[in-house]
Amino acid sequence: MKITDIREARVSIASDIANAYISFSKMDVSVLAIYTDAKIDGRQVVGYGFNSNGRYAQSGLLRERFLPRLREADAAALLDESGVNLDPFKVWSVLIANEKPGGHGERSVAVGIIDMAIWDIVAKVENKSLAKLLAERFDDGKPDARVPVYAAGGYYYPGKQISALQEEMRDYLGQGYICTKMKIGGVPLAEDLARVEAAIEVVGEAGRLAVDANGRFDLRTALAFADGLAPYGVRWYEEAGDPLDYAMQQQLGEHYAAPTATGENLFSHQDVRNLLRYGGMRPDRDILQMDPVLSYGLVEYLRMLEVLRAHGWSSRQCIPHGGHQFALNIAAGLKLGGNESYPRVFAPFGGFADSTPVEEGTIALPDMPGIGFEDKRELMQVFKEHLSL
């Protein structure tokens, strides 16, 4: 089995939305297709990858550093013991060769894009969904039949009024979601609390609404918002401050009894280990949101889960950032606590298979090999348009 071709392109997902820290007016992603000489049921096996939203396209790193390493590697060095399939761990070692420890930054995203495509290939060659393959290799062999998902939105739009926020939340409920998430931190506390109250009025109870500050606050402001949120009992209070300020996270946990969430901007198992050592995270209530694509891929995410187990955490406390089909397979196969979803933004990269609607806040995976991108018509059209499939 050999890799025969690799194609990469940059795709815009720009919009006028904003969170408390950044605008998405110039946001883009990298899309990737890795071709092989393998065939399943007469069809050539192709693996697809892209980066999660919130990080820009990685074209420079992919084209200048990581894809050349993959192209130049001896084909046999990428294969598993059977010789008929790729070994994601061997591929990962090839990609990361000659890279110094630390300095994760953007390179973790570039490697994660390739890793996604490799796992898509591996599962397709075995003619299994990625969820099934992961359950068989790393768990009890039985993936979760349905995965809890929540609708992430509530961004700041120019001129968007509270009534528009409520209408957005109603739309999510109408699509089958029962839990949602909204942004905070972009306006003063009193104004944000009015927005929170309005969203709760729609979703029915505070435990069905999470709030996300996107790392905006200093300690004083984070604690002030914690005091403002405390009477409501929201599902979680996400990324109050800088994701690497573990002391601040610890102080927040000491001050705020309800669940907090963080991790989407941690890109290695070492970062996760430091968060658990020094961030005061509470395994009985807090949520970890590491994104497999942004953090060197599933290979590194498996190492993160090993760190969690060593510190007494359950995988059910993990709800990955990303909101796409790759993370959904991981959530089902490794028995995580759920998955994010973006029903109305970042299309067509966010969201799940066309054939699997959200029902009562959960979703099933399509019965097809690989990650299941082929059951996302609009996404496959993007791949065809930009990668000349």
Protein backbone atom coordinates (compact mmCIF):
# COMPACT_ATOMS: atom_id res chain seq x y z
CA MET A 1 0.00 0.00 0.00
CA LYS A 2 1.36 3.41 -0.98
CA ILE A 3 0.41 7.05 -0.86
CA THR A 4 0.14 8.11 -4.50
CA ASP A 5 -0.82 11.79 -4.27
CA ILE A 6 -1.43 14.57 -1.73
CA ARG A 7 -3.41 17.73 -2.44
CA GLU A 8 -3.93 20.73 -0.18
CA ALA A 9 -5.84 24.00 -0.51
CA ARG A 10 -6.95 27.00 1.51
CA VAL A 11 -10.71 27.60 1.89
CA SER A 12 -12.38 30.69 3.34
CA ILE A 13 -14.95 30.37 6.13
CA ALA A 14 -15.09 34.12 6.73
CA SER A 15 -18.20 35.61 8.33
CA ASP A 16 -19.23 38.69 10.29
CA ILE A 17 -19.49 36.85 13.62
CA ALA A 18 -17.20 37.53 16.58
CA ASN A 19 -16.53 36.17 20.02
CA ALA A 20 -15.12 38.11 22.95
CA TYR A 21 -11.61 38.01 21.52
CA ILE A 22 -11.54 37.63 17.73
CA SER A 23 -13.48 38.40 14.59
CA PHE A 24 -14.01 35.67 12.00
CA SER A 25 -13.96 38.13 9.11
CA LYS A 26 -10.76 36.62 7.67
CA MET A 27 -11.01 33.04 8.94
CA ASP A 28 -9.97 30.19 6.66
CA VAL A 29 -9.09 26.50 6.86
CA SER A 30 -6.80 24.05 5.08
CA VAL A 31 -8.36 21.09 3.30
CA LEU A 32 -6.35 18.00 2.43
CA ALA A 33 -6.79 14.84 0.38
CA ILE A 34 -4.34 11.92 0.59
CA TYR A 35 -4.67 9.38 -2.22
CA THR A 36 -3.52 5.76 -1.95
CA ASP A 37 -3.28 2.79 -4.28
CA ALA A 38 -5.59 0.79 -1.99
CA LYS A 39 -9.07 -0.10 -3.19
CA ILE A 40 -12.10 -1.18 -1.19
CA ASP A 41 -15.10 -2.50 -3.11
CA GLY A 42 -13.42 -1.28 -6.27
CA ARG A 43 -13.06 2.32 -5.09
CA GLN A 44 -9.76 4.09 -4.50
CA VAL A 45 -9.15 4.87 -0.83
CA VAL A 46 -8.74 8.61 -0.22
CA GLY A 47 -8.38 10.23 3.19
CA TYR A 48 -9.66 13.72 3.89
CA GLY A 49 -8.59 16.25 6.48
CA PHE A 50 -9.11 19.86 7.53
CA ASN A 51 -8.46 21.98 10.60
CA SER A 52 -11.08 22.95 13.15
CA ASN A 53 -12.44 26.48 13.14
CA GLY A 54 -10.72 29.22 15.11
CA ARG A 55 -7.25 28.45 13.71
CA TYR A 56 -6.24 29.74 10.33
CA ALA A 57 -5.23 27.65 7.31
CA GLN A 58 -1.85 25.93 7.64
CA SER A 59 -0.79 25.97 4.00
CA GLY A 60 2.74 27.23 4.64
CA LEU A 61 3.60 24.64 7.27
CA LEU A 62 1.94 21.86 5.31
CA ARG A 63 3.61 22.61 1.99
CA GLU A 64 7.04 23.59 3.27
CA ARG A 65 7.60 21.22 6.16
CA PHE A 66 5.17 18.43 6.91
CA LEU A 67 3.88 17.20 3.57
CA PRO A 68 7.41 16.95 2.11
CA ARG A 69 8.35 14.66 5.00
CA LEU A 70 5.38 12.46 4.23
CA ARG A 71 6.15 12.38 0.50
CA GLU A 72 9.83 11.62 1.04
CA ALA A 73 9.30 8.82 3.58
CA ASP A 74 9.95 5.24 2.54
CA ALA A 75 6.54 3.66 1.91
CA ALA A 76 7.32 0.68 4.12
CA ALA A 77 8.13 2.99 7.05
CA LEU A 78 4.51 4.17 7.10
CA LEU A 79 2.86 0.74 7.19
CA ASP A 80 1.58 -1.38 10.05
CA GLU A 81 2.72 -4.95 10.66
CA SER A 82 0.30 -6.35 8.08
CA GLY A 83 1.88 -4.24 5.34
CA VAL A 84 -1.53 -3.46 3.85
CA ASN A 85 -2.52 -0.43 5.91
CA LEU A 86 -0.97 2.73 7.25
CA ASP A 87 0.13 2.98 10.87
CA PRO A 88 -0.95 6.42 12.22
CA PHE A 89 1.69 6.32 14.93
CA LYS A 90 4.50 5.66 12.44
CA VAL A 91 3.17 8.40 10.18
CA TRP A 92 3.06 10.77 13.15
CA SER A 93 6.70 9.99 13.98
CA VAL A 94 7.71 10.77 10.40
CA LEU A 95 5.84 14.08 10.49
CA ILE A 96 7.32 15.20 13.78
CA ALA A 97 10.90 14.14 13.05
CA ASN A 98 13.49 16.86 13.65
CA GLU A 99 11.03 18.97 15.66
CA LYS A 100 12.14 20.22 19.07
CA PRO A 101 10.01 19.57 22.19
CA GLY A 102 7.64 22.38 23.08
CA GLY A 103 6.79 25.22 20.74
CA HIS A 104 3.53 23.56 19.81
CA GLY A 105 1.69 26.55 18.36
CA GLU A 106 0.57 26.26 14.75
CA ARG A 107 2.55 23.13 13.88
CA SER A 108 0.19 21.09 16.04
CA VAL A 109 -2.64 22.13 13.74
CA ALA A 110 -0.76 21.23 10.55
CA VAL A 111 0.08 17.77 11.88
CA GLY A 112 -3.51 17.33 13.08
CA ILE A 113 -4.88 17.93 9.57
CA ILE A 114 -2.67 15.18 8.15
CA ASP A 115 -3.49 12.89 11.06
CA MET A 116 -7.22 13.22 10.34
CA ALA A 117 -6.74 12.14 6.73
CA ILE A 118 -4.53 9.20 7.79
CA TRP A 119 -7.12 7.84 10.23
CA ASP A 120 -9.78 8.22 7.52
CA ILE A 121 -7.64 6.00 5.29
CA VAL A 122 -6.92 3.44 8.00
CA ALA A 123 -10.59 2.97 8.85
CA LYS A 124 -11.59 2.77 5.19
CA VAL A 125 -8.98 0.09 4.46
CA GLU A 126 -10.40 -1.95 7.36
CA ASN A 127 -13.90 -1.23 6.00
CA LYS A 128 -15.08 0.09 9.36
CA SER A 129 -16.25 3.38 10.73
CA LEU A 130 -13.51 5.19 12.61
CA ALA A 131 -15.63 4.94 15.76
CA LYS A 132 -15.77 1.16 15.46
CA LEU A 133 -12.05 0.91 14.74
CA LEU A 134 -11.18 3.04 17.79
CA ALA A 135 -13.46 1.06 20.07
CA GLU A 136 -11.87 -2.20 18.93
CA ARG A 137 -8.29 -0.97 19.25
CA PHE A 138 -8.48 1.15 22.39
CA ASP A 139 -11.69 0.36 24.30
CA ASP A 140 -14.17 -2.50 24.76
CA GLY A 141 -14.95 -2.94 21.07
CA LYS A 142 -18.38 -1.30 21.21
CA PRO A 143 -18.65 2.39 20.29
CA ASP A 144 -21.44 4.47 21.77
CA ALA A 145 -24.51 4.11 19.55
CA ARG A 146 -25.44 7.76 20.08
CA VAL A 147 -23.39 10.74 21.23
CA PRO A 148 -24.75 13.75 23.16
CA VAL A 149 -24.19 16.96 21.20
CA TYR A 150 -24.80 20.61 22.02
CA ALA A 151 -25.33 23.54 19.66
CA ALA A 152 -22.56 26.14 19.90
CA GLY A 153 -23.49 29.64 18.83
CA GLY A 154 -24.61 32.84 20.47
CA TYR A 155 -21.88 34.86 18.77
CA TYR A 156 -21.85 38.64 18.63
CA TYR A 157 -23.21 39.88 15.31
CA PRO A 158 -23.28 43.55 14.26
CA GLY A 159 -26.57 44.97 15.46
CA LYS A 160 -27.77 41.67 16.87
CA GLN A 161 -30.40 42.18 19.53
CA ILE A 162 -31.47 39.88 22.35
CA SER A 163 -34.52 38.88 20.35
CA ALA A 164 -32.23 37.57 17.60
CA LEU A 165 -30.26 35.55 20.17
CA GLN A 166 -33.48 34.01 21.41
CA GLU A 167 -34.55 33.17 17.88
CA GLU A 168 -31.21 31.46 17.32
CA MET A 169 -31.71 29.35 20.43
CA ARG A 170 -35.23 28.40 19.30
CA ASP A 171 -33.79 27.34 15.99
CA TYR A 172 -31.36 24.97 17.73
CA LEU A 173 -34.15 23.42 19.77
CA GLY A 174 -36.13 22.97 16.58
CA GLN A 175 -33.21 21.04 15.09
CA GLY A 176 -33.28 18.51 17.92
CA TYR A 177 -30.73 19.98 20.35
CA ILE A 178 -31.61 20.32 24.00
CA CYS A 179 -28.35 21.99 25.15
CA THR A 180 -26.72 25.10 23.70
CA LYS A 181 -23.74 27.39 24.25
CA MET A 182 -23.38 31.14 23.83
CA LYS A 183 -20.55 33.68 23.92
CA ILE A 184 -19.95 36.11 26.76
CA GLY A 185 -17.28 38.70 27.48
CA GLY A 186 -17.81 40.91 24.45
CA VAL A 187 -20.03 43.39 26.28
CA PRO A 188 -20.25 44.59 29.92
CA LEU A 189 -21.34 42.13 32.59
CA ALA A 190 -24.86 43.50 33.05
CA GLU A 191 -25.54 43.32 29.32
CA ASP A 192 -24.18 39.77 29.08
CA LEU A 193 -26.27 38.62 32.02
CA ALA A 194 -29.35 39.97 30.25
CA ARG A 195 -28.35 37.90 27.23
CA VAL A 196 -27.86 34.82 29.44
CA GLU A 197 -31.30 35.29 31.01
CA ALA A 198 -32.87 35.62 27.58
CA ALA A 199 -31.21 32.41 26.36
CA ILE A 200 -32.26 30.49 29.48
CA GLU A 201 -35.84 31.64 28.93
CA VAL A 202 -35.77 29.83 25.57
CA VAL A 203 -33.83 26.65 26.42
CA GLY A 204 -35.93 26.12 29.54
CA GLU A 205 -33.35 25.74 32.28
CA ALA A 206 -29.86 27.07 32.99
CA GLY A 207 -28.36 23.59 33.08
CA ARG A 208 -28.95 23.39 29.32
CA LEU A 209 -26.92 26.53 28.56
CA ALA A 210 -23.13 26.81 28.66
CA VAL A 211 -21.28 30.14 28.37
CA ASP A 212 -17.88 30.77 26.77
CA ALA A 213 -15.62 33.81 27.36
CA ASN A 214 -12.90 32.64 24.92
CA GLY A 215 -10.09 33.50 27.32
CA ARG A 216 -11.02 37.16 27.50
CA PHE A 217 -10.86 37.97 31.20
CA ASP A 218 -8.21 38.88 33.74
CA LEU A 219 -8.68 37.35 37.19
CA ARG A 220 -10.74 40.20 38.59
CA THR A 221 -13.17 40.21 35.68
CA ALA A 222 -13.36 36.41 35.58
CA LEU A 223 -14.39 36.32 39.23
CA ALA A 224 -16.90 39.14 38.72
CA PHE A 225 -18.54 37.19 35.90
CA ALA A 226 -18.44 34.06 38.07
CA ASP A 227 -20.38 35.90 40.77
CA GLY A 228 -22.84 37.13 38.16
CA LEU A 229 -23.35 33.66 36.71
CA ALA A 230 -23.52 31.76 40.01
CA PRO A 231 -27.25 32.35 40.72
CA TYR A 232 -28.24 30.90 37.35
CA GLY A 233 -26.43 27.54 37.50
CA VAL A 234 -25.36 27.37 33.86
CA ARG A 235 -24.05 24.10 32.45
CA TRP A 236 -20.45 25.35 32.46
CA TYR A 237 -18.36 28.54 32.42
CA GLU A 238 -15.79 28.13 29.66
CA GLU A 239 -12.31 29.64 29.19
CA ALA A 240 -12.69 32.56 31.54
CA GLY A 241 -9.04 33.54 31.15
CA ASP A 242 -5.92 32.77 29.19
CA PRO A 243 -5.81 28.99 28.64
CA LEU A 244 -2.22 28.76 29.87
CA ASP A 245 -2.84 30.72 33.08
CA TYR A 246 -3.25 27.66 35.28
CA ALA A 247 -3.03 29.69 38.50
CA MET A 248 -6.00 31.76 37.38
CA GLN A 249 -7.98 28.63 36.53
CA GLN A 250 -7.21 27.26 39.97
CA GLN A 251 -8.38 30.47 41.65
CA LEU A 252 -11.56 30.42 39.60
CA GLY A 253 -12.30 26.86 40.73
CA GLU A 254 -11.78 27.83 44.35
CA HIS A 255 -14.19 30.76 43.94
CA TYR A 256 -16.83 29.27 41.64
CA ALA A 257 -18.51 26.02 42.69
CA ALA A 258 -20.29 25.24 39.41
CA PRO A 259 -18.56 23.47 36.50
CA THR A 260 -15.90 25.16 34.42
CA ALA A 261 -14.53 24.08 31.05
CA THR A 262 -11.25 24.61 29.25
CA GLY A 263 -8.68 22.82 27.08
CA GLU A 264 -9.49 23.68 23.45
CA ASN A 265 -6.30 25.74 23.27
CA LEU A 266 -4.01 23.12 24.79
CA PHE A 267 -2.08 21.33 22.07
CA SER A 268 -0.12 18.51 23.71
CA HIS A 269 -0.39 15.89 26.41
CA GLN A 270 2.24 17.85 28.35
CA ASP A 271 -0.05 20.89 28.38
CA VAL A 272 -2.91 18.73 29.64
CA ARG A 273 -0.72 17.25 32.34
CA ASN A 274 0.21 20.73 33.55
CA LEU A 275 -3.44 21.79 33.58
CA LEU A 276 -4.32 18.83 35.79
CA ARG A 277 -1.31 19.40 38.04
CA TYR A 278 -1.67 23.14 38.51
CA GLY A 279 -5.06 24.31 37.22
CA GLY A 280 -7.27 23.10 40.05
CA MET A 281 -9.53 21.20 37.67
CA ARG A 282 -12.15 19.06 39.42
CA PRO A 283 -12.77 15.62 37.91
CA ASP A 284 -16.25 15.35 39.41
CA ARG A 285 -17.66 18.34 37.49
CA ASP A 286 -15.27 20.19 35.16
CA ILE A 287 -15.11 19.62 31.39
CA LEU A 288 -12.00 19.17 29.23
CA GLN A 289 -12.34 20.34 25.62
CA MET A 290 -9.09 19.43 23.87
CA ASP A 291 -9.52 19.39 20.10
CA PRO A 292 -7.92 16.34 18.41
CA VAL A 293 -7.29 18.20 15.15
CA LEU A 294 -5.70 21.27 16.74
CA SER A 295 -3.44 19.20 19.00
CA TYR A 296 -1.34 17.04 16.65
CA GLY A 297 -4.24 14.73 15.86
CA LEU A 298 -5.76 11.62 17.33
CA VAL A 299 -2.36 10.07 18.02
CA GLU A 300 -1.63 12.82 20.55
CA TYR A 301 -5.21 12.85 21.83
CA LEU A 302 -4.81 9.22 22.85
CA ARG A 303 -1.78 10.29 24.89
CA MET A 304 -3.90 12.99 26.52
CA LEU A 305 -6.44 10.36 27.56
CA GLU A 306 -3.63 8.33 29.13
CA VAL A 307 -2.65 11.41 31.16
CA LEU A 308 -6.26 11.86 32.28
CA ARG A 309 -6.54 8.26 33.42
CA ALA A 310 -3.30 8.59 35.38
CA HIS A 311 -4.80 11.56 37.22
CA GLY A 312 -8.07 9.80 38.00
CA TRP A 313 -10.23 11.37 35.30
CA SER A 314 -12.91 9.65 33.26
CA SER A 315 -13.01 10.07 29.49
CA ARG A 316 -16.66 11.06 29.98
CA GLN A 317 -15.44 14.45 31.22
CA CYS A 318 -14.05 15.17 27.74
CA ILE A 319 -16.24 17.03 25.24
CA PRO A 320 -13.99 18.03 22.33
CA HIS A 321 -14.00 21.39 20.62
CA GLY A 322 -14.41 21.27 16.86
CA GLY A 323 -17.97 20.32 16.08
CA HIS A 324 -17.22 17.98 13.18
CA GLN A 325 -17.49 14.36 12.11
CA PHE A 326 -13.91 13.45 13.09
CA ALA A 327 -14.41 14.48 16.72
CA LEU A 328 -17.79 12.74 16.72
CA ASN A 329 -16.19 9.42 15.74
CA ILE A 330 -13.63 9.87 18.49
CA ALA A 331 -16.33 10.66 21.04
CA ALA A 332 -18.27 7.52 20.10
CA GLY A 333 -15.29 5.19 19.80
CA LEU A 334 -13.46 6.28 22.95
CA LYS A 335 -16.57 6.92 25.07
CA LEU A 336 -16.20 10.63 25.66
CA GLY A 337 -18.88 12.75 27.27
CA GLY A 338 -20.25 14.30 24.11
CA ASN A 339 -19.34 16.52 21.20
CA GLU A 340 -19.68 20.13 20.15
CA SER A 341 -21.76 21.11 17.12
CA TYR A 342 -22.01 24.24 14.95
CA PRO A 343 -25.43 24.05 13.29
CA ARG A 344 -25.39 27.50 11.67
CA VAL A 345 -21.74 28.58 11.41
CA PHE A 346 -18.52 27.30 9.80
CA ALA A 347 -20.44 25.33 7.19
CA PRO A 348 -19.85 22.90 5.66
CA PHE A 349 -16.99 21.86 7.94
CA GLY A 350 -19.06 21.87 11.10
CA GLY A 351 -21.97 19.53 11.56
CA PHE A 352 -22.48 15.86 10.93
CA ALA A 353 -23.65 13.41 8.30
CA ASP A 354 -26.63 14.32 6.16
CA SER A 355 -28.35 11.02 7.01
CA THR A 356 -28.13 11.38 10.81
CA PRO A 357 -30.33 14.11 12.32
CA VAL A 358 -30.01 15.25 15.91
CA GLU A 359 -32.72 13.68 18.05
CA GLU A 360 -33.30 14.63 21.69
CA GLY A 361 -29.83 16.11 21.94
CA THR A 362 -27.97 13.06 20.61
CA ILE A 363 -26.78 11.84 17.23
CA ALA A 364 -25.75 8.55 15.65
CA LEU A 365 -22.93 8.02 13.17
CA PRO A 366 -23.52 6.90 9.59
CA ASP A 367 -22.92 3.23 8.85
CA MET A 368 -20.02 3.71 6.46
CA PRO A 369 -16.25 3.23 6.45
CA GLY A 370 -13.89 5.93 7.63
CA ILE A 371 -14.88 9.24 9.18
CA GLY A 372 -18.01 9.49 7.06
CA PHE A 373 -17.34 12.70 5.13
CA GLU A 374 -18.86 11.10 2.05
CA ASP A 375 -22.23 11.48 3.79
CA LYS A 376 -21.78 15.27 3.89
CA ARG A 377 -22.69 16.38 0.40
CA GLU A 378 -21.74 20.05 0.75
CA LEU A 379 -18.38 19.22 2.32
CA MET A 380 -17.55 16.73 -0.43
CA GLN A 381 -18.39 19.45 -2.95
CA VAL A 382 -15.80 21.71 -1.30
CA PHE A 383 -13.21 18.94 -1.52
CA LYS A 384 -14.00 18.39 -5.19
CA GLU A 385 -13.92 22.09 -6.01
CA HIS A 386 -10.67 22.92 -4.24
CA LEU A 387 -8.76 19.67 -4.54
CA SER A 388 -9.83 18.73 -8.08
CA LEU A 389 -10.97 15.28 -7.07
